[in-house]
C-alpha atoms as a PDB file:
ATOM      1  CA  ARG A   1      70.342 131.803  91.601  1.00  0.00           C
ATOM      2  CA  THR A   2      68.091 134.841  91.265  1.00  0.00           C
ATOM      3  CA  SER A   3      65.561 135.776  93.935  1.00  0.00           C
ATOM      4  CA  THR A   4      62.991 138.567  94.060  1.00  0.00           C
ATOM      5  CA  GLY A   5      61.485 140.517  96.933  1.00  0.00           C
ATOM      6  CA  VAL A   6      58.437 142.782  97.068  1.00  0.00           C
ATOM      7  CA  VAL A   7      57.223 145.142  99.827  1.00  0.00           C
ATOM      8  CA  ALA A   8      54.587 147.844 100.116  1.00  0.00           C
ATOM      9  CA  LEU A   9      55.977 151.289 100.849  1.00  0.00           C
ATOM     10  CA  THR A  10      54.833 152.879 104.091  1.00  0.00           C
ATOM     11  CA  GLY A  11      55.680 156.497 103.257  1.00  0.00           C
ATOM     12  CA  GLU A  12      55.644 158.808 100.276  1.00  0.00           C
ATOM     13  CA  GLU A  13      59.322 158.186  99.524  1.00  0.00           C
ATOM     14  CA  VAL A  14      61.517 155.096  99.559  1.00  0.00           C
ATOM     15  CA  ALA A  15      63.527 155.093 102.783  1.00  0.00           C
ATOM     16  CA  PRO A  16      66.717 153.131 103.538  1.00  0.00           C
ATOM     17  CA  SER A  17      64.627 150.962 105.868  1.00  0.00           C
ATOM     18  CA  ASP A  18      62.377 150.026 102.919  1.00  0.00           C
ATOM     19  CA  VAL A  19      65.435 148.912 100.938  1.00  0.00           C
ATOM     20  CA  GLY A  20      66.538 146.833 103.919  1.00  0.00           C
ATOM     21  CA  ARG A  21      63.095 145.221 104.163  1.00  0.00           C
ATOM     22  CA  VAL A  22      62.854 144.273 100.505  1.00  0.00           C
ATOM     23  CA  ASN A  23      66.411 142.905 100.519  1.00  0.00           C
ATOM     24  CA  GLU A  24      65.537 140.773 103.538  1.00  0.00           C
ATOM     25  CA  VAL A  25      62.498 139.355 101.711  1.00  0.00           C
ATOM     26  CA  ALA A  26      64.665 138.409  98.718  1.00  0.00           C
ATOM     27  CA  ARG A  27      67.187 136.699 101.004  1.00  0.00           C
ATOM     28  CA  ALA A  28      64.517 134.683 102.821  1.00  0.00           C
ATOM     29  CA  VAL A  29      64.652 131.591 100.612  1.00  0.00           C
ATOM     30  CA  SER A  30      65.497 127.987 101.394  1.00  0.00           C
ATOM     31  CA  LEU A  31      69.180 127.302 100.731  1.00  0.00           C
ATOM     32  CA  GLY A  32      69.142 123.569 101.406  1.00  0.00           C
ATOM     33  CA  ARG A  33      70.515 121.556 104.307  1.00  0.00           C
ATOM     34  CA  ASP A  34      74.251 122.067 103.826  1.00  0.00           C
ATOM     35  CA  ASN A  35      74.425 125.483 102.184  1.00  0.00           C
ATOM     36  CA  GLU A  36      74.983 128.988 103.470  1.00  0.00           C
ATOM     37  CA  LEU A  37      74.603 132.350 101.790  1.00  0.00           C
ATOM     38  CA  LEU A  38      77.911 133.690 100.494  1.00  0.00           C
ATOM     39  CA  HIS A  39      76.767 136.776  98.554  1.00  0.00           C
ATOM     40  CA  ASP A  40      73.463 138.608  98.127  1.00  0.00           C
ATOM     41  CA  ILE A  41      73.906 141.061  95.273  1.00  0.00           C
ATOM     42  CA  PRO A  42      71.030 143.395  94.302  1.00  0.00           C
ATOM     43  CA  GLN A  43      70.791 143.454  90.506  1.00  0.00           C
ATOM     44  CA  GLU A  44      68.126 146.137  90.182  1.00  0.00           C
ATOM     45  CA  TYR A  45      65.264 147.749  92.065  1.00  0.00           C
ATOM     46  CA  VAL A  46      61.775 148.395  90.684  1.00  0.00           C
ATOM     47  CA  VAL A  47      59.532 151.196  91.963  1.00  0.00           C
ATOM     48  CA  ASP A  48      55.938 150.919  90.710  1.00  0.00           C
ATOM     49  CA  GLN A  49      57.083 148.977  87.608  1.00  0.00           C
ATOM     50  CA  GLN A  50      59.878 151.453  86.837  1.00  0.00           C
ATOM     51  CA  ARG A  51      62.843 149.146  86.275  1.00  0.00           C
ATOM     52  CA  GLY A  52      66.615 149.505  86.148  1.00  0.00           C
ATOM     53  CA  ILE A  53      67.006 151.464  89.386  1.00  0.00           C
ATOM     54  CA  VAL A  54      70.320 151.121  91.226  1.00  0.00           C
ATOM     55  CA  ASP A  55      69.463 153.206  94.304  1.00  0.00           C
ATOM     56  CA  PRO A  56      65.724 153.774  94.934  1.00  0.00           C
ATOM     57  CA  VAL A  57      66.118 155.841  98.136  1.00  0.00           C
ATOM     58  CA  GLY A  58      64.177 159.105  97.842  1.00  0.00           C
ATOM     59  CA  MET A  59      61.957 157.979  94.959  1.00  0.00           C
ATOM     60  CA  THR A  60      58.168 158.190  95.223  1.00  0.00           C
ATOM     61  CA  GLY A  61      55.982 155.100  94.919  1.00  0.00           C
ATOM     62  CA  THR A  62      53.763 152.533  96.601  1.00  0.00           C
ATOM     63  CA  ARG A  63      55.557 149.271  95.750  1.00  0.00           C
ATOM     64  CA  LEU A  64      59.255 148.361  95.878  1.00  0.00           C
ATOM     65  CA  GLU A  65      60.776 145.266  94.281  1.00  0.00           C
ATOM     66  CA  VAL A  66      64.313 143.925  94.084  1.00  0.00           C
ATOM     67  CA  GLU A  67      65.972 141.357  91.850  1.00  0.00           C
ATOM     68  CA  MET A  68      68.822 139.807  93.830  1.00  0.00           C
ATOM     69  CA  TYR A  69      71.529 137.341  92.820  1.00  0.00           C
ATOM     70  CA  LEU A  70      72.244 134.842  95.588  1.00  0.00           C
ATOM     71  CA  VAL A  71      75.519 132.913  95.756  1.00  0.00           C
ATOM     72  CA  THR A  72      75.672 129.929  98.101  1.00  0.00           C
ATOM     73  CA  VAL A  73      78.524 127.771  99.352  1.00  0.00           C
ATOM     74  CA  GLN A  74      78.668 124.371 101.014  1.00  0.00           C
ATOM     75  CA  SER A  75      78.554 125.045 104.754  1.00  0.00           C
ATOM     76  CA  THR A  76      81.146 122.434 105.709  1.00  0.00           C
ATOM     77  CA  ALA A  77      83.627 123.755 103.134  1.00  0.00           C
ATOM     78  CA  ALA A  78      83.159 127.305 104.429  1.00  0.00           C
ATOM     79  CA  GLN A  79      83.535 126.177 108.050  1.00  0.00           C
ATOM     80  CA  ASN A  80      86.746 124.282 107.296  1.00  0.00           C
ATOM     81  CA  LEU A  81      88.189 127.321 105.514  1.00  0.00           C
ATOM     82  CA  ARG A  82      87.377 129.567 108.474  1.00  0.00           C
ATOM     83  CA  LYS A  83      88.947 127.076 110.895  1.00  0.00           C
ATOM     84  CA  ALA A  84      92.141 126.914 108.827  1.00  0.00           C
ATOM     85  CA  VAL A  85      92.463 130.711 108.875  1.00  0.00           C
ATOM     86  CA  GLN A  86      91.697 130.898 112.601  1.00  0.00           C
ATOM     87  CA  ARG A  87      94.345 128.287 113.387  1.00  0.00           C
ATOM     88  CA  ALA A  88      96.847 130.478 111.554  1.00  0.00           C
ATOM     89  CA  GLY A  89      96.015 133.246 114.020  1.00  0.00           C
ATOM     90  CA  TYR A  90      93.644 135.364 111.936  1.00  0.00           C
ATOM     91  CA  ARG A  91      89.925 136.126 111.920  1.00  0.00           C
ATOM     92  CA  VAL A  92      87.805 135.743 108.800  1.00  0.00           C
ATOM     93  CA  ALA A  93      85.849 138.929 108.130  1.00  0.00           C
ATOM     94  CA  ASP A  94      84.177 137.623 104.980  1.00  0.00           C
ATOM     95  CA  LEU A  95      84.360 134.944 102.303  1.00  0.00           C
ATOM     96  CA  VAL A  96      84.376 136.141  98.694  1.00  0.00           C
ATOM     97  CA  LEU A  97      84.015 134.074  95.536  1.00  0.00           C
ATOM     98  CA  GLU A  98      87.292 134.292  93.574  1.00  0.00           C
ATOM     99  CA  PRO A  99      85.934 135.267  90.127  1.00  0.00           C
ATOM    100  CA  LEU A 100      83.660 137.851  91.742  1.00  0.00           C
ATOM    101  CA  ALA A 101      86.646 139.353  93.573  1.00  0.00           C
ATOM    102  CA  ALA A 102      88.671 139.393  90.348  1.00  0.00           C
ATOM    103  CA  SER A 103      85.883 141.250  88.549  1.00  0.00           C
ATOM    104  CA  TYR A 104      86.364 144.271  90.836  1.00  0.00           C
ATOM    105  CA  ALA A 105      89.972 144.582  89.650  1.00  0.00           C
ATOM    106  CA  VAL A 106      89.832 143.873  85.920  1.00  0.00           C
ATOM    107  CA  LEU A 107      86.379 144.554  84.432  1.00  0.00           C
ATOM    108  CA  THR A 108      85.062 147.928  83.305  1.00  0.00           C
ATOM    109  CA  GLU A 109      81.449 149.027  83.722  1.00  0.00           C
ATOM    110  CA  ASP A 110      81.112 149.194  79.926  1.00  0.00           C
ATOM    111  CA  GLU A 111      82.182 145.553  79.606  1.00  0.00           C
ATOM    112  CA  LYS A 112      79.665 144.483  82.242  1.00  0.00           C
ATOM    113  CA  GLU A 113      76.939 146.395  80.426  1.00  0.00           C
ATOM    114  CA  LEU A 114      77.717 144.988  76.967  1.00  0.00           C
ATOM    115  CA  GLY A 115      78.206 141.385  78.086  1.00  0.00           C
ATOM    116  CA  VAL A 116      81.476 139.871  79.261  1.00  0.00           C
ATOM    117  CA  ALA A 117      82.712 136.624  80.783  1.00  0.00           C
ATOM    118  CA  LEU A 118      85.487 136.548  83.350  1.00  0.00           C
ATOM    119  CA  VAL A 119      87.326 133.211  83.367  1.00  0.00           C
ATOM    120  CA  GLU A 120      89.591 132.765  86.394  1.00  0.00           C
ATOM    121  CA  VAL A 121      91.939 129.814  85.730  1.00  0.00           C
ATOM    122  CA  GLY A 122      93.380 129.093  89.147  1.00  0.00           C
ATOM    123  CA  GLY A 123      95.319 126.174  90.537  1.00  0.00           C
ATOM    124  CA  GLY A 124      92.485 123.984  91.795  1.00  0.00           C
ATOM    125  CA  SER A 125      89.435 125.292  89.934  1.00  0.00           C
ATOM    126  CA  THR A 126      88.319 127.496  87.070  1.00  0.00           C
ATOM    127  CA  GLY A 127      85.732 130.138  87.901  1.00  0.00           C
ATOM    128  CA  VAL A 128      83.291 131.548  85.353  1.00  0.00           C
ATOM    129  CA  THR A 129      81.348 134.787  85.867  1.00  0.00           C
ATOM    130  CA  ILE A 130      79.103 136.270  83.180  1.00  0.00           C
ATOM    131  CA  PHE A 131      77.931 139.888  83.298  1.00  0.00           C
ATOM    132  CA  HIS A 132      75.325 141.450  81.008  1.00  0.00           C
ATOM    133  CA  GLU A 133      73.404 144.727  81.249  1.00  0.00           C
ATOM    134  CA  GLY A 134      75.451 145.504  84.345  1.00  0.00           C
ATOM    135  CA  LYS A 135      74.185 142.424  86.181  1.00  0.00           C
ATOM    136  CA  ILE A 136      75.667 139.078  87.162  1.00  0.00           C
ATOM    137  CA  ARG A 137      73.948 136.554  84.932  1.00  0.00           C
ATOM    138  CA  HIS A 138      75.827 133.363  85.731  1.00  0.00           C
ATOM    139  CA  LEU A 139      78.415 132.005  88.163  1.00  0.00           C
ATOM    140  CA  ALA A 140      80.071 128.598  87.997  1.00  0.00           C
ATOM    141  CA  SER A 141      83.131 126.771  89.283  1.00  0.00           C
ATOM    142  CA  LEU A 142      84.759 124.002  87.217  1.00  0.00           C
ATOM    143  CA  ARG A 143      87.077 121.442  88.762  1.00  0.00           C
ATOM    144  CA  TYR A 144      89.664 121.451  85.959  1.00  0.00           C
ATOM    145  CA  ALA A 145      92.438 124.041  86.282  1.00  0.00           C
ATOM    146  CA  GLY A 146      96.183 124.704  86.449  1.00  0.00           C
ATOM    147  CA  SER A 147      96.990 121.780  88.744  1.00  0.00           C
ATOM    148  CA  HIS A 148      95.762 119.404  86.028  1.00  0.00           C
ATOM    149  CA  VAL A 149      98.197 120.980  83.561  1.00  0.00           C
ATOM    150  CA  THR A 150     101.021 120.391  86.041  1.00  0.00           C
ATOM    151  CA  GLN A 151      99.960 116.778  86.594  1.00  0.00           C
ATOM    152  CA  ASP A 152      99.937 116.161  82.831  1.00  0.00           C
ATOM    153  CA  LEU A 153     103.540 117.395  82.659  1.00  0.00           C
ATOM    154  CA  VAL A 154     104.471 115.027  85.494  1.00  0.00           C
ATOM    155  CA  GLN A 155     103.065 112.103  83.525  1.00  0.00           C
ATOM    156  CA  GLY A 156     104.226 113.198  80.086  1.00  0.00           C
ATOM    157  CA  LEU A 157     107.798 114.197  80.963  1.00  0.00           C
ATOM    158  CA  GLY A 158     108.525 111.896  83.905  1.00  0.00           C
ATOM    159  CA  VAL A 159     109.377 114.697  86.331  1.00  0.00           C
ATOM    160  CA  THR A 160     108.358 115.543  89.879  1.00  0.00           C
ATOM    161  CA  GLN A 161     105.438 117.813  90.729  1.00  0.00           C
ATOM    162  CA  ALA A 162     107.773 120.639  91.754  1.00  0.00           C
ATOM    163  CA  ASP A 163     109.873 120.304  88.589  1.00  0.00           C
ATOM    164  CA  ALA A 164     106.752 120.197  86.423  1.00  0.00           C
ATOM    165  CA  GLU A 165     105.562 123.448  87.989  1.00  0.00           C
ATOM    166  CA  ARG A 166     108.945 125.094  87.338  1.00  0.00           C
ATOM    167  CA  LEU A 167     108.992 123.901  83.723  1.00  0.00           C
ATOM    168  CA  LYS A 168     105.482 125.244  83.202  1.00  0.00           C
ATOM    169  CA  GLU A 169     106.428 128.630  84.675  1.00  0.00           C
ATOM    170  CA  ARG A 170     109.732 129.017  82.808  1.00  0.00           C
ATOM    171  CA  HIS A 171     109.091 127.361  79.448  1.00  0.00           C
ATOM    172  CA  GLY A 172     105.344 126.783  79.222  1.00  0.00           C
ATOM    173  CA  VAL A 173     103.401 127.948  76.166  1.00  0.00           C
ATOM    174  CA  ALA A 174      99.696 127.227  75.772  1.00  0.00           C
ATOM    175  CA  TYR A 175      99.474 127.716  72.000  1.00  0.00           C
ATOM    176  CA  GLY A 176     101.536 125.419  69.799  1.00  0.00           C
ATOM    177  CA  PRO A 177     102.068 127.733  66.779  1.00  0.00           C
ATOM    178  CA  LEU A 178     104.060 130.130  68.999  1.00  0.00           C
ATOM    179  CA  VAL A 179     106.789 127.541  69.659  1.00  0.00           C
ATOM    180  CA  ASP A 180     109.966 126.896  67.653  1.00  0.00           C
ATOM    181  CA  ALA A 181     109.870 123.184  66.794  1.00  0.00           C
ATOM    182  CA  GLU A 182     113.668 122.894  67.132  1.00  0.00           C
ATOM    183  CA  GLU A 183     113.953 124.480  70.588  1.00  0.00           C
ATOM    184  CA  MET A 184     114.961 122.094  73.385  1.00  0.00           C
ATOM    185  CA  VAL A 185     114.401 122.311  77.141  1.00  0.00           C
ATOM    186  CA  ASN A 186     116.668 120.769  79.781  1.00  0.00           C
ATOM    187  CA  LEU A 187     114.817 118.398  82.096  1.00  0.00           C
ATOM    188  CA  PRO A 188     115.925 117.789  85.691  1.00  0.00           C
ATOM    189  CA  SER A 189     118.244 114.807  85.966  1.00  0.00           C
ATOM    190  CA  THR A 190     117.415 111.783  88.112  1.00  0.00           C
ATOM    191  CA  PRO A 191     119.707 109.048  89.497  1.00  0.00           C
ATOM    192  CA  SER A 192     118.299 106.545  87.017  1.00  0.00           C
ATOM    193  CA  GLN A 193     118.013 108.767  83.941  1.00  0.00           C
ATOM    194  CA  GLY A 194     120.763 111.376  84.182  1.00  0.00           C
ATOM    195  CA  ALA A 195     120.675 114.563  82.121  1.00  0.00           C
ATOM    196  CA  ARG A 196     117.771 114.749  79.671  1.00  0.00           C
ATOM    197  CA  GLN A 197     116.183 117.084  77.186  1.00  0.00           C
ATOM    198  CA  ALA A 198     112.732 117.434  75.663  1.00  0.00           C
ATOM    199  CA  SER A 199     111.513 119.597  72.835  1.00  0.00           C
ATOM    200  CA  ARG A 200     109.683 122.717  73.905  1.00  0.00           C
ATOM    201  CA  GLU A 201     107.130 121.713  71.291  1.00  0.00           C
ATOM    202  CA  LEU A 202     106.309 118.598  73.373  1.00  0.00           C
ATOM    203  CA  LEU A 203     106.005 120.695  76.521  1.00  0.00           C
ATOM    204  CA  SER A 204     103.693 123.091  74.693  1.00  0.00           C
ATOM    205  CA  HIS A 205     101.622 120.253  73.228  1.00  0.00           C
ATOM    206  CA  ILE A 206     100.923 118.807  76.692  1.00  0.00           C
ATOM    207  CA  ILE A 207      99.876 122.217  78.024  1.00  0.00           C
ATOM    208  CA  HIS A 208      97.884 123.062  74.896  1.00  0.00           C
ATOM    209  CA  GLU A 209      95.803 119.890  75.047  1.00  0.00           C
ATOM    210  CA  ARG A 210      94.802 120.299  78.686  1.00  0.00           C
ATOM    211  CA  VAL A 211      94.098 124.040  78.498  1.00  0.00           C
ATOM    212  CA  ASP A 212      92.046 123.534  75.347  1.00  0.00           C
ATOM    213  CA  GLU A 213      89.990 120.920  77.214  1.00  0.00           C
ATOM    214  CA  ILE A 214      89.441 123.384  80.087  1.00  0.00           C
ATOM    215  CA  PHE A 215      88.313 126.034  77.606  1.00  0.00           C
ATOM    216  CA  GLN A 216      85.888 123.565  76.005  1.00  0.00           C
ATOM    217  CA  PHE A 217      84.287 123.008  79.421  1.00  0.00           C
ATOM    218  CA  VAL A 218      84.083 126.783  79.859  1.00  0.00           C
ATOM    219  CA  ALA A 219      82.491 127.179  76.407  1.00  0.00           C
ATOM    220  CA  ARG A 220      79.842 124.610  77.366  1.00  0.00           C
ATOM    221  CA  GLU A 221      79.166 126.643  80.502  1.00  0.00           C
ATOM    222  CA  PHE A 222      78.626 129.713  78.306  1.00  0.00           C
ATOM    223  CA  GLU A 223      76.128 127.734  76.217  1.00  0.00           C
ATOM    224  CA  ARG A 224      74.368 126.404  79.313  1.00  0.00           C
ATOM    225  CA  ALA A 225      73.948 129.965  80.584  1.00  0.00           C
ATOM    226  CA  GLY A 226      72.588 131.122  77.211  1.00  0.00           C
ATOM    227  CA  TYR A 227      75.669 133.149  76.282  1.00  0.00           C
ATOM    228  CA  GLY A 228      77.291 131.147  73.522  1.00  0.00           C
ATOM    229  CA  ALA A 229      77.768 131.957  69.831  1.00  0.00           C
ATOM    230  CA  GLY A 230      78.533 135.669  69.866  1.00  0.00           C
ATOM    231  CA  ARG A 231      76.344 136.687  72.807  1.00  0.00           C
ATOM    232  CA  LEU A 232      79.283 138.249  74.669  1.00  0.00           C
ATOM    233  CA  PRO A 233      80.070 141.475  72.745  1.00  0.00           C
ATOM    234  CA  ALA A 234      82.816 142.482  75.215  1.00  0.00           C
ATOM    235  CA  GLY A 235      84.327 139.010  74.960  1.00  0.00           C
ATOM    236  CA  VAL A 236      86.235 137.063  77.582  1.00  0.00           C
ATOM    237  CA  VAL A 237      88.735 138.255  80.192  1.00  0.00           C
ATOM    238  CA  LEU A 238      91.265 135.719  81.536  1.00  0.00           C
ATOM    239  CA  THR A 239      92.660 135.918  85.064  1.00  0.00           C
ATOM    240  CA  GLY A 240      94.342 133.546  87.504  1.00  0.00           C
ATOM    241  CA  GLY A 241      97.788 132.039  87.873  1.00  0.00           C
ATOM    242  CA  THR A 242      97.556 129.947  84.699  1.00  0.00           C
ATOM    243  CA  ALA A 243      96.355 132.871  82.560  1.00  0.00           C
ATOM    244  CA  HIS A 244      99.868 134.380  82.428  1.00  0.00           C
ATOM    245  CA  LEU A 245     101.190 131.569  80.195  1.00  0.00           C
ATOM    246  CA  PRO A 246     102.111 132.752  76.691  1.00  0.00           C
ATOM    247  CA  GLY A 247      99.504 131.673  74.159  1.00  0.00           C
ATOM    248  CA  MET A 248      96.551 131.559  76.572  1.00  0.00           C
ATOM    249  CA  VAL A 249      94.819 134.481  74.859  1.00  0.00           C
ATOM    250  CA  GLU A 250      95.404 133.052  71.370  1.00  0.00           C
ATOM    251  CA  LEU A 251      94.080 129.623  72.350  1.00  0.00           C
ATOM    252  CA  ALA A 252      91.067 131.149  74.099  1.00  0.00           C
ATOM    253  CA  ARG A 253      90.193 133.174  70.998  1.00  0.00           C
ATOM    254  CA  GLU A 254      90.051 129.958  68.992  1.00  0.00           C
ATOM    255  CA  ALA A 255      88.054 128.086  71.636  1.00  0.00           C
ATOM    256  CA  PHE A 256      85.466 130.813  72.288  1.00  0.00           C
ATOM    257  CA  ALA A 257      85.360 132.516  68.863  1.00  0.00           C
ATOM    258  CA  ALA A 258      85.217 135.813  70.745  1.00  0.00           C
ATOM    259  CA  PRO A 259      87.482 138.735  71.683  1.00  0.00           C
ATOM    260  CA  VAL A 260      89.811 137.739  74.548  1.00  0.00           C
ATOM    261  CA  ARG A 261      92.237 139.694  76.709  1.00  0.00           C
ATOM    262  CA  ALA A 262      94.338 138.932  79.773  1.00  0.00           C
ATOM    263  CA  GLY A 263      92.958 140.703  82.838  1.00  0.00           C
ATOM    264  CA  ALA A 264      95.616 142.540  84.826  1.00  0.00           C
ATOM    265  CA  PRO A 265      94.438 144.650  87.804  1.00  0.00           C
ATOM    266  CA  GLU A 266      93.904 148.251  86.706  1.00  0.00           C
ATOM    267  CA  MET A 267      90.486 149.305  88.017  1.00  0.00           C
ATOM    268  CA  GLY A 268      90.467 151.636  91.020  1.00  0.00           C
ATOM    269  CA  ILE A 269      94.099 151.283  92.088  1.00  0.00           C
ATOM    270  CA  SER A 270      97.138 153.550  92.142  1.00  0.00           C
ATOM    271  CA  GLY A 271     100.597 153.570  93.688  1.00  0.00           C
ATOM    272  CA  LEU A 272     102.773 150.516  93.006  1.00  0.00           C
ATOM    273  CA  VAL A 273     100.505 149.327  90.202  1.00  0.00           C
ATOM    274  CA  ASP A 274     103.328 147.762  88.155  1.00  0.00           C
ATOM    275  CA  SER A 275     103.989 145.214  90.895  1.00  0.00           C
ATOM    276  CA  VAL A 276     100.499 143.707  90.565  1.00  0.00           C
ATOM    277  CA  GLN A 277      99.854 144.074  86.830  1.00  0.00           C
ATOM    278  CA  ALA A 278      99.518 140.392  86.028  1.00  0.00           C
ATOM    279  CA  PRO A 279      96.451 138.112  85.777  1.00  0.00           C
ATOM    280  CA  ARG A 280      97.580 136.134  88.847  1.00  0.00           C
ATOM    281  CA  TYR A 281      97.009 139.218  91.042  1.00  0.00           C
ATOM    282  CA  ALA A 282      93.417 139.869  89.951  1.00  0.00           C
ATOM    283  CA  VAL A 283      91.891 138.005  92.918  1.00  0.00           C
ATOM    284  CA  PRO A 284      94.148 139.460  95.674  1.00  0.00           C
ATOM    285  CA  VAL A 285      93.695 143.015  94.388  1.00  0.00           C
ATOM    286  CA  GLY A 286      89.975 142.395  93.934  1.00  0.00           C
ATOM    287  CA  LEU A 287      89.692 141.256  97.552  1.00  0.00           C
ATOM    288  CA  VAL A 288      91.285 144.499  98.743  1.00  0.00           C
ATOM    289  CA  LEU A 289      88.938 146.528  96.530  1.00  0.00           C
ATOM    290  CA  TYR A 290      85.973 144.527  97.848  1.00  0.00           C
ATOM    291  CA  ALA A 291      86.954 145.326 101.438  1.00  0.00           C
ATOM    292  CA  ALA A 292      87.599 148.970 100.553  1.00  0.00           C
ATOM    293  CA  ARG A 293      84.157 149.271  98.997  1.00  0.00           C
ATOM    294  CA  LYS A 294      82.496 147.726 102.059  1.00  0.00           C
ATOM    295  CA  LEU A 295      84.369 150.062 104.385  1.00  0.00           C
ATOM    296  CA  ALA A 296      83.563 153.094 102.237  1.00  0.00           C
ATOM    297  CA  GLN A 297      79.885 152.153 102.488  1.00  0.00           C
ATOM    298  CA  GLY A 298      80.193 152.120 106.279  1.00  0.00           C
ATOM    299  CA  ALA A 299      80.064 148.352 106.673  1.00  0.00           C
ATOM    300  CA  ALA A 300      82.579 145.766 107.743  1.00  0.00           C
ATOM    301  CA  PRO A 301      83.329 143.169 105.051  1.00  0.00           C
ATOM    302  CA  GLY A 302      81.098 140.735 106.920  1.00  0.00           C
ATOM    303  CA  GLY A 303      78.170 143.116 106.567  1.00  0.00           C
ATOM    304  CA  SER A 304      77.724 144.672 110.042  1.00  0.00           C
ATOM    305  CA  LEU A 305      77.796 148.456 110.396  1.00  0.00           C
ATOM    306  CA  VAL A 306      81.082 149.972 111.540  1.00  0.00           C
ATOM    307  CA  ARG A 307      79.767 152.160 114.332  1.00  0.00           C
ATOM    308  CA  SER A 308      80.906 150.755 117.645  1.00  0.00           C
ATOM    309  CA  ALA A 309      84.215 151.725 119.229  1.00  0.00           C
ATOM    310  CA  GLY A 310      85.319 148.093 119.051  1.00  0.00           C
ATOM    311  CA  MET A 311      84.612 147.853 115.330  1.00  0.00           C
ATOM    312  CA  GLU A 312      86.359 151.178 114.710  1.00  0.00           C
ATOM    313  CA  LYS A 313      89.396 149.892 116.589  1.00  0.00           C
ATOM    314  CA  LEU A 314      89.410 146.734 114.490  1.00  0.00           C
ATOM    315  CA  PHE A 315      88.749 148.220 111.041  1.00  0.00           C
ATOM    316  CA  GLY A 316      89.899 151.830 111.498  1.00  0.00           C
ATOM    317  CA  PRO A 317      93.586 151.231 110.681  1.00  0.00           C
ATOM    318  CA  LEU A 318      92.653 149.115 107.654  1.00  0.00           C
ATOM    319  CA  LYS A 319      90.202 151.752 106.451  1.00  0.00           C
ATOM    320  CA  ARG A 320      92.823 154.515 106.732  1.00  0.00           C
ATOM    321  CA  TRP A 321      95.427 152.370 104.979  1.00  0.00           C
ATOM    322  CA  LEU A 322      93.041 151.605 102.127  1.00  0.00           C
ATOM    323  CA  GLN A 323      92.165 155.282 101.766  1.00  0.00           C
ATOM    324  CA  ASP A 324      95.868 156.204 101.589  1.00  0.00           C
ATOM    325  CA  PHE A 325      96.695 153.386  99.184  1.00  0.00           C
ATOM    326  CA  PHE A 326      93.785 153.845  96.802  1.00  0.00           C
END
């Protein structure tokens, strides 16, 4: 959701404290009984009706406005996630929406300006993030994803969940025309069935049907957000564990009637880049970039300023490691 804030300026120039005040006004909205604020992302600032300002500090004016995109999460879900991490012996510094994290690693500023959709096809959900004119225009999470593809293989081939996942990884193709109709795949034997085979065409057909359905849901989300029918000049970028399957890009091009590419992490990283250049690593790399950006801005990922000795002790080693790595 989008929220706006307005404050009167107390001095001749916009001060950092004025930016803090107007941001606080934009955040001060009712989130509902069981929701908490996950992200508050300034889209643009306006000084005396001059729009499109990224950083207003130092500008002259009498009135400061902000357009802010607010992302909320169900409080109980967030609390359970924090508890799970704490029980594993770690402390949660921040929660970050997966497709937003992935965007840091795979999208260019030009794509965000022109209009682009990032579709993160994970295991349990499919995330959709639309950028236009450099701003986040729409965020959504759909409940159909890679786990549904695996479950379809379980039902269609009569194999276990683990075997279905292996078959998908080793032989899966999401676009039927890419498959040789005569190619066969060995299926795991069972005490009652023994050694079996299935055509790779059948395997591909099962995957194709489910992924196409997921893409149809995504296309409806584009329409609902007002970005269907050619309104995404930079097209669609696919990330997530399921996006690595051969044929995903080809099928997506048909479903969305738009340019499509697979999003491998490339933005803002160096070093052992080859080891993470796959769509499945977009979220993990994006999370590191998110933390690096927060630390570079002088804030802990959770938002508090890194000034105290205790905070420096906690985040100092991570900050130095990130600086060396990136």
